[in-house]
Amino acid sequence: MSSTTRISAKLLDRQLEGGRMSRRDFMMFCGIVAAAMGMPPAFAADVAHALESKKRPSVIYMHGAECTGCTEAILRSIDPYVDTLIMEVISLDYCESLMATAGHGAEKALEKAMQNPEGYFCTIEGAIPAKGGGVYGRVGGETMLSLFARVAGGAKGVIAMGTCASFGGVQAAAPNPSGAVGVGEAFAPLGIKPINISGCPPNPVNFIGTVVHLLTKGLPDLDAVGRPKMFFGSTVHDKCPRRKHFDAGEFAPSFESKQARAGWCLHLIGCRGPYTFNNCPTVQFNQANWPVRAGAPCIGCSEPGFWDQYAPFNRDVLMKGEKA
């Protein structure tokens, strides 16, 4: 190791320890990201190297038709804390929910971020109101449809954050008066193909893992609906701790039943785990818990067709093409 490298490493340690995240916590975070990506523990060193040695990528974070739940999930994340995310992992150059400026100042900040000579990544949270030329959703007097097309069209890559941005989500629920659609559908004529990080809300680790993959390995392998296979490669049902009860034909008849409390399968009271691709059972949220472990059925929130196709959520509903 050269003297310059040793000095840089020591400086990084001081910078990390001067903030919220210690070196130990930083490496633990890298290990969590590596595990979420389906990589061996040794890959944590590659994650750390990418975050330490590469310039933080510029990110423009746009808000469409949404509830801001995806942003709230990021704000409450501990893997990493949001300050670590925007100070150590990415350069968040525009985000209406987190920036201090507003109005014309915010518009100028957006235009400045789009002129970054090194380019930028565009993350979009929320569906795009497309009916009537996009008149149902405006930002600064411009339709979301038009503004987001400009921002996404000039980006090095586009990430659709959450199910609304990925597939329309709750915003596209019937009767969908605004004609809300996902980013991919809205901008398909422009050749824009986003990486879909679906979920309502999505797990922040899946977002960070995607950014890390872009930095270390480039575009991740995607499934048929544009989601990274490393996070959405298996169903919730495949890794569910209640799976053994499903295989044994042991189903809880109601939420208040002793069978539900004993960990029996929740399929008959609305669990959509067999139809839902996500890594909730293994990653959980903030390493703490996830709906099924807490006693609530999976509602299929990361799938195309959520909300309409999966409701009502309190009883078993056959999916399209499934035999009774």
Protein backbone atom coordinates (compact mmCIF):
# COMPACT_ATOMS: atom_id res chain seq x y z
CA MET A 1 0.00 0.00 0.00
CA SER A 2 1.41 3.41 -0.97
CA SER A 3 1.75 6.28 1.49
CA THR A 4 -0.90 8.21 -0.46
CA THR A 5 -3.33 5.32 -0.15
CA ARG A 6 -2.66 5.05 3.60
CA ILE A 7 -3.23 8.78 4.04
CA SER A 8 -6.47 8.61 2.01
CA ALA A 9 -7.70 5.67 4.07
CA LYS A 10 -6.92 7.48 7.34
CA LEU A 11 -8.66 10.61 6.08
CA LEU A 12 -11.73 8.60 5.13
CA ASP A 13 -11.76 7.01 8.59
CA ARG A 14 -11.68 10.44 10.24
CA GLN A 15 -14.44 11.72 7.96
CA LEU A 16 -16.63 8.73 8.69
CA GLU A 17 -16.05 8.85 12.42
CA GLY A 18 -16.67 12.60 12.47
CA GLY A 19 -20.17 11.98 11.16
CA ARG A 20 -22.80 9.44 12.09
CA MET A 21 -21.18 6.36 10.55
CA SER A 22 -18.02 4.76 11.94
CA ARG A 23 -15.70 2.70 9.78
CA ARG A 24 -17.14 -0.44 11.33
CA ASP A 25 -20.71 0.65 10.58
CA PHE A 26 -19.68 1.58 7.05
CA MET A 27 -18.30 -1.91 6.40
CA MET A 28 -21.38 -3.44 7.99
CA PHE A 29 -23.53 -1.40 5.61
CA CYS A 30 -21.42 -2.60 2.67
CA GLY A 31 -21.98 -6.18 3.84
CA ILE A 32 -25.74 -5.65 4.00
CA VAL A 33 -25.77 -4.25 0.47
CA ALA A 34 -23.64 -7.15 -0.78
CA ALA A 35 -26.00 -9.68 0.84
CA ALA A 36 -29.06 -7.97 -0.63
CA MET A 37 -27.41 -8.18 -4.05
CA GLY A 38 -26.99 -11.92 -3.58
CA MET A 39 -23.20 -11.66 -3.49
CA PRO A 40 -20.79 -13.46 -1.11
CA PRO A 41 -19.54 -11.64 2.01
CA ALA A 42 -16.21 -10.91 0.33
CA PHE A 43 -18.01 -8.62 -2.13
CA ALA A 44 -18.50 -6.14 0.71
CA ALA A 45 -14.92 -5.02 0.09
CA ASP A 46 -15.79 -4.28 -3.54
CA VAL A 47 -18.81 -2.26 -2.42
CA ALA A 48 -16.63 -0.29 -0.01
CA HIS A 49 -14.01 0.30 -2.70
CA ALA A 50 -16.62 1.58 -5.14
CA LEU A 51 -18.07 4.00 -2.60
CA GLU A 52 -14.65 5.19 -1.45
CA SER A 53 -12.85 5.57 -4.76
CA LYS A 54 -15.50 6.65 -7.25
CA LYS A 55 -16.94 10.13 -7.36
CA ARG A 56 -20.42 10.17 -5.92
CA PRO A 57 -22.92 9.95 -8.79
CA SER A 58 -25.19 12.94 -9.28
CA VAL A 59 -28.83 12.05 -8.67
CA ILE A 60 -31.88 14.12 -9.59
CA TYR A 61 -34.87 12.84 -7.60
CA MET A 62 -38.26 13.77 -9.09
CA HIS A 63 -41.68 13.44 -7.46
CA GLY A 64 -44.70 12.51 -9.57
CA ALA A 65 -48.18 11.42 -8.48
CA GLU A 66 -47.45 9.73 -5.15
CA CYS A 67 -47.79 9.85 -1.38
CA THR A 68 -44.06 10.41 -0.71
CA GLY A 69 -43.99 7.05 1.09
CA CYS A 70 -40.90 5.95 -0.83
CA THR A 71 -39.01 9.04 0.33
CA GLU A 72 -40.26 8.44 3.87
CA ALA A 73 -38.83 4.91 3.73
CA ILE A 74 -35.45 6.31 2.71
CA LEU A 75 -35.58 8.97 5.45
CA ARG A 76 -36.18 6.27 8.07
CA SER A 77 -33.59 3.87 6.74
CA ILE A 78 -30.71 2.75 8.93
CA ASP A 79 -28.97 0.86 6.09
CA PRO A 80 -27.67 3.51 5.62
CA TYR A 81 -28.94 6.56 7.45
CA VAL A 82 -30.15 9.20 5.02
CA ASP A 83 -27.31 11.60 5.85
CA THR A 84 -24.80 8.88 4.99
CA LEU A 85 -26.68 8.19 1.76
CA ILE A 86 -26.51 11.77 0.52
CA MET A 87 -23.05 12.55 1.94
CA GLU A 88 -21.17 9.32 1.21
CA VAL A 89 -23.02 7.31 -1.47
CA ILE A 90 -24.71 9.72 -3.88
CA SER A 91 -24.72 13.44 -4.61
CA LEU A 92 -28.40 14.32 -4.27
CA ASP A 93 -28.51 17.47 -6.38
CA TYR A 94 -32.29 17.87 -6.58
CA CYS A 95 -35.06 16.49 -4.36
CA GLU A 96 -38.14 18.55 -3.56
CA SER A 97 -38.72 16.75 -0.25
CA LEU A 98 -35.23 17.36 1.14
CA MET A 99 -34.01 20.62 -0.41
CA ALA A 100 -34.35 23.91 1.46
CA THR A 101 -35.08 26.11 -1.53
CA ALA A 102 -38.44 26.28 -3.28
CA GLY A 103 -40.18 28.01 -6.17
CA HIS A 104 -37.93 29.61 -8.79
CA GLY A 105 -34.87 28.72 -6.73
CA ALA A 106 -35.76 25.04 -6.96
CA GLU A 107 -36.34 25.32 -10.70
CA LYS A 108 -32.90 26.90 -11.14
CA ALA A 109 -31.35 24.13 -9.03
CA LEU A 110 -32.92 21.53 -11.29
CA GLU A 111 -31.67 23.18 -14.46
CA LYS A 112 -28.18 23.47 -12.96
CA ALA A 113 -28.17 19.79 -11.98
CA MET A 114 -29.19 18.81 -15.50
CA GLN A 115 -26.17 20.68 -16.89
CA ASN A 116 -23.68 18.58 -14.91
CA PRO A 117 -20.88 17.87 -17.43
CA GLU A 118 -20.38 14.39 -15.93
CA GLY A 119 -24.05 13.54 -16.34
CA TYR A 120 -26.58 12.42 -13.78
CA PHE A 121 -28.95 9.63 -12.83
CA CYS A 122 -32.66 10.36 -12.65
CA THR A 123 -34.80 8.74 -9.97
CA ILE A 124 -38.55 9.17 -10.28
CA GLU A 125 -40.97 8.48 -7.43
CA GLY A 126 -44.64 8.36 -8.32
CA ALA A 127 -46.75 7.66 -11.37
CA ILE A 128 -47.01 9.96 -14.38
CA PRO A 129 -50.47 11.47 -15.08
CA ALA A 130 -50.71 11.03 -18.86
CA LYS A 131 -54.36 11.74 -19.70
CA GLY A 132 -55.11 14.95 -21.56
CA GLY A 133 -51.47 15.55 -22.33
CA GLY A 134 -50.56 15.37 -18.65
CA VAL A 135 -52.76 18.22 -17.41
CA TYR A 136 -53.52 16.43 -14.12
CA GLY A 137 -50.00 16.79 -12.78
CA ARG A 138 -47.87 19.93 -12.94
CA VAL A 139 -44.60 21.13 -11.42
CA GLY A 140 -43.71 24.80 -11.76
CA GLY A 141 -46.36 25.31 -14.43
CA GLU A 142 -45.05 22.45 -16.59
CA THR A 143 -46.73 19.08 -16.80
CA MET A 144 -44.97 16.20 -15.08
CA LEU A 145 -45.20 14.36 -18.38
CA SER A 146 -43.20 17.06 -20.16
CA LEU A 147 -40.78 17.94 -17.36
CA PHE A 148 -39.93 14.35 -16.46
CA ALA A 149 -39.41 13.51 -20.13
CA ARG A 150 -36.76 16.25 -20.31
CA VAL A 151 -35.04 15.18 -17.11
CA ALA A 152 -35.16 11.44 -17.78
CA GLY A 153 -34.28 11.90 -21.42
CA GLY A 154 -30.97 13.54 -20.53
CA ALA A 155 -30.00 11.08 -17.79
CA LYS A 156 -27.33 8.37 -17.88
CA GLY A 157 -29.85 6.04 -16.31
CA VAL A 158 -33.37 6.15 -14.88
CA ILE A 159 -34.58 4.44 -11.71
CA ALA A 160 -38.31 4.15 -11.03
CA MET A 161 -38.60 4.22 -7.24
CA GLY A 162 -41.67 2.43 -5.92
CA THR A 163 -44.62 0.67 -7.51
CA CYS A 164 -46.35 3.87 -8.63
CA ALA A 165 -43.30 4.88 -10.66
CA SER A 166 -42.72 1.32 -11.83
CA PHE A 167 -46.22 0.28 -12.87
CA GLY A 168 -48.74 3.00 -11.94
CA GLY A 169 -49.56 1.57 -8.52
CA VAL A 170 -52.28 3.08 -6.37
CA GLN A 171 -52.36 6.18 -8.58
CA ALA A 172 -53.48 4.02 -11.50
CA ALA A 173 -56.25 2.26 -9.55
CA ALA A 174 -59.67 2.23 -11.22
CA PRO A 175 -61.18 4.45 -12.47
CA ASN A 176 -57.80 6.21 -12.87
CA PRO A 177 -59.19 9.62 -13.92
CA SER A 178 -55.72 11.12 -14.46
CA GLY A 179 -54.53 8.30 -16.72
CA ALA A 180 -51.62 7.60 -14.36
CA VAL A 181 -49.01 5.17 -15.70
CA GLY A 182 -45.55 4.01 -14.75
CA VAL A 183 -42.37 5.67 -15.99
CA GLY A 184 -41.62 2.94 -18.51
CA GLU A 185 -45.04 3.15 -20.10
CA ALA A 186 -45.12 6.94 -20.09
CA PHE A 187 -41.76 7.34 -21.82
CA ALA A 188 -41.57 4.19 -23.94
CA PRO A 189 -41.97 6.31 -27.12
CA LEU A 190 -38.75 8.10 -26.11
CA GLY A 191 -36.87 4.83 -25.68
CA ILE A 192 -36.51 5.31 -21.92
CA LYS A 193 -36.30 2.00 -20.05
CA PRO A 194 -36.11 2.52 -16.29
CA ILE A 195 -34.80 0.14 -13.66
CA ASN A 196 -37.91 -0.60 -11.61
CA ILE A 197 -37.45 -0.77 -7.83
CA SER A 198 -41.04 -1.66 -7.02
CA GLY A 199 -42.69 -1.88 -3.61
CA CYS A 200 -45.13 0.22 -1.61
CA PRO A 201 -42.80 1.36 -0.26
CA PRO A 202 -39.68 -0.27 -1.70
CA ASN A 203 -36.86 -1.34 0.57
CA PRO A 204 -34.15 1.37 0.58
CA VAL A 205 -31.49 -1.36 0.47
CA ASN A 206 -32.76 -2.35 -2.98
CA PHE A 207 -32.30 1.21 -4.18
CA ILE A 208 -28.79 1.52 -2.72
CA GLY A 209 -27.86 -1.91 -4.05
CA THR A 210 -28.91 -0.85 -7.53
CA VAL A 211 -26.77 2.29 -7.32
CA VAL A 212 -23.81 0.22 -6.11
CA HIS A 213 -24.29 -2.27 -8.95
CA LEU A 214 -24.31 0.57 -11.47
CA LEU A 215 -21.03 1.82 -9.97
CA THR A 216 -19.31 -1.57 -9.77
CA LYS A 217 -20.77 -3.74 -12.51
CA GLY A 218 -23.00 -1.59 -14.68
CA LEU A 219 -26.64 -2.35 -15.49
CA PRO A 220 -27.99 -5.25 -13.41
CA ASP A 221 -29.84 -8.19 -14.93
CA LEU A 222 -33.53 -7.32 -15.07
CA ASP A 223 -36.63 -9.50 -15.04
CA ALA A 224 -39.45 -9.34 -17.59
CA VAL A 225 -40.92 -6.20 -15.98
CA GLY A 226 -37.65 -4.32 -15.52
CA ARG A 227 -36.78 -5.18 -11.91
CA PRO A 228 -33.27 -6.24 -10.81
CA LYS A 229 -33.25 -10.03 -10.52
CA MET A 230 -30.87 -9.83 -7.57
CA PHE A 231 -33.72 -8.35 -5.50
CA PHE A 232 -36.82 -9.64 -7.27
CA GLY A 233 -35.62 -13.05 -8.43
CA SER A 234 -37.79 -15.14 -6.10
CA THR A 235 -41.24 -14.87 -4.59
CA VAL A 236 -42.01 -13.84 -1.05
CA HIS A 237 -43.55 -17.31 -0.71
CA ASP A 238 -40.24 -19.01 -1.56
CA LYS A 239 -38.44 -17.61 1.49
CA CYS A 240 -41.40 -17.12 3.84
CA PRO A 241 -40.91 -18.45 7.40
CA ARG A 242 -44.54 -19.68 7.27
CA ARG A 243 -43.84 -21.73 4.12
CA LYS A 244 -43.62 -25.04 6.01
CA HIS A 245 -47.23 -24.59 7.13
CA PHE A 246 -48.32 -23.95 3.55
CA ASP A 247 -46.62 -27.18 2.47
CA ALA A 248 -48.34 -29.01 5.33
CA GLY A 249 -51.75 -27.59 4.40
CA GLU A 250 -51.98 -25.60 7.62
CA PHE A 251 -53.82 -22.32 6.99
CA ALA A 252 -54.95 -19.72 9.51
CA PRO A 253 -58.74 -19.19 9.21
CA SER A 254 -58.71 -15.63 10.57
CA PHE A 255 -56.38 -12.94 11.88
CA GLU A 256 -57.43 -13.43 15.50
CA SER A 257 -57.14 -17.23 15.38
CA LYS A 258 -54.66 -19.19 17.47
CA GLN A 259 -53.34 -20.68 14.20
CA ALA A 260 -52.37 -17.22 12.92
CA ARG A 261 -50.56 -16.50 16.18
CA ALA A 262 -48.82 -19.87 15.94
CA GLY A 263 -47.31 -18.94 12.58
CA TRP A 264 -49.60 -20.85 10.21
CA CYS A 265 -49.85 -19.79 6.56
CA LEU A 266 -51.92 -16.64 5.88
CA HIS A 267 -52.89 -17.51 2.31
CA LEU A 268 -56.61 -17.96 3.04
CA ILE A 269 -56.84 -14.54 4.66
CA GLY A 270 -55.29 -12.64 1.80
CA CYS A 271 -51.56 -13.35 1.53
CA ARG A 272 -50.28 -12.69 -2.00
CA GLY A 273 -46.80 -14.06 -1.30
CA PRO A 274 -47.00 -16.87 -3.91
CA TYR A 275 -47.55 -14.28 -6.65
CA THR A 276 -45.20 -11.57 -5.41
CA PHE A 277 -41.53 -11.22 -6.31
CA ASN A 278 -39.53 -9.40 -3.65
CA ASN A 279 -36.81 -10.01 -1.06
CA CYS A 280 -38.79 -8.90 2.01
CA PRO A 281 -38.29 -12.17 3.99
CA THR A 282 -34.49 -12.02 3.73
CA VAL A 283 -33.76 -8.28 3.84
CA GLN A 284 -36.72 -7.10 5.94
CA PHE A 285 -37.00 -3.39 6.72
CA ASN A 286 -34.13 -1.87 8.71
CA GLN A 287 -33.18 -5.43 9.74
CA ALA A 288 -36.17 -5.32 12.08
CA ASN A 289 -39.31 -6.84 10.62
CA TRP A 290 -41.60 -7.23 7.62
CA PRO A 291 -45.39 -7.62 7.23
CA VAL A 292 -45.79 -11.42 7.28
CA ARG A 293 -43.50 -11.86 10.27
CA ALA A 294 -45.57 -9.18 12.03
CA GLY A 295 -48.75 -11.16 11.30
CA ALA A 296 -50.05 -9.28 8.25
CA PRO A 297 -50.42 -10.95 4.84
CA CYS A 298 -48.31 -9.86 1.89
CA ILE A 299 -50.51 -7.66 -0.31
CA GLY A 300 -48.46 -8.00 -3.50
CA CYS A 301 -47.39 -4.37 -3.47
CA SER A 302 -44.35 -4.87 -5.72
CA GLU A 303 -46.28 -6.43 -8.60
CA PRO A 304 -47.72 -4.96 -11.81
CA GLY A 305 -51.48 -4.66 -11.38
CA PHE A 306 -51.28 -3.61 -7.74
CA TRP A 307 -53.76 -2.18 -6.52
CA ASP A 308 -56.71 -3.45 -8.55
CA GLN A 309 -55.56 -6.99 -9.33
CA TYR A 310 -54.72 -7.84 -5.72
CA ALA A 311 -57.65 -6.30 -3.84
CA PRO A 312 -59.50 -6.99 -1.59
CA PHE A 313 -56.62 -7.83 0.69
CA ASN A 314 -58.42 -9.63 3.51
CA ARG A 315 -59.39 -12.82 1.66
CA ASP A 316 -57.98 -15.32 -0.79
CA VAL A 317 -58.34 -14.23 -4.42
CA LEU A 318 -57.25 -16.37 -7.35
CA MET A 319 -54.87 -14.67 -9.72
CA LYS A 320 -55.52 -14.56 -13.45
CA GLY A 321 -54.91 -17.93 -15.06
CA GLU A 322 -54.90 -19.84 -11.75
CA LYS A 323 -57.24 -22.79 -11.33
CA ALA A 324 -59.36 -23.20 -8.22
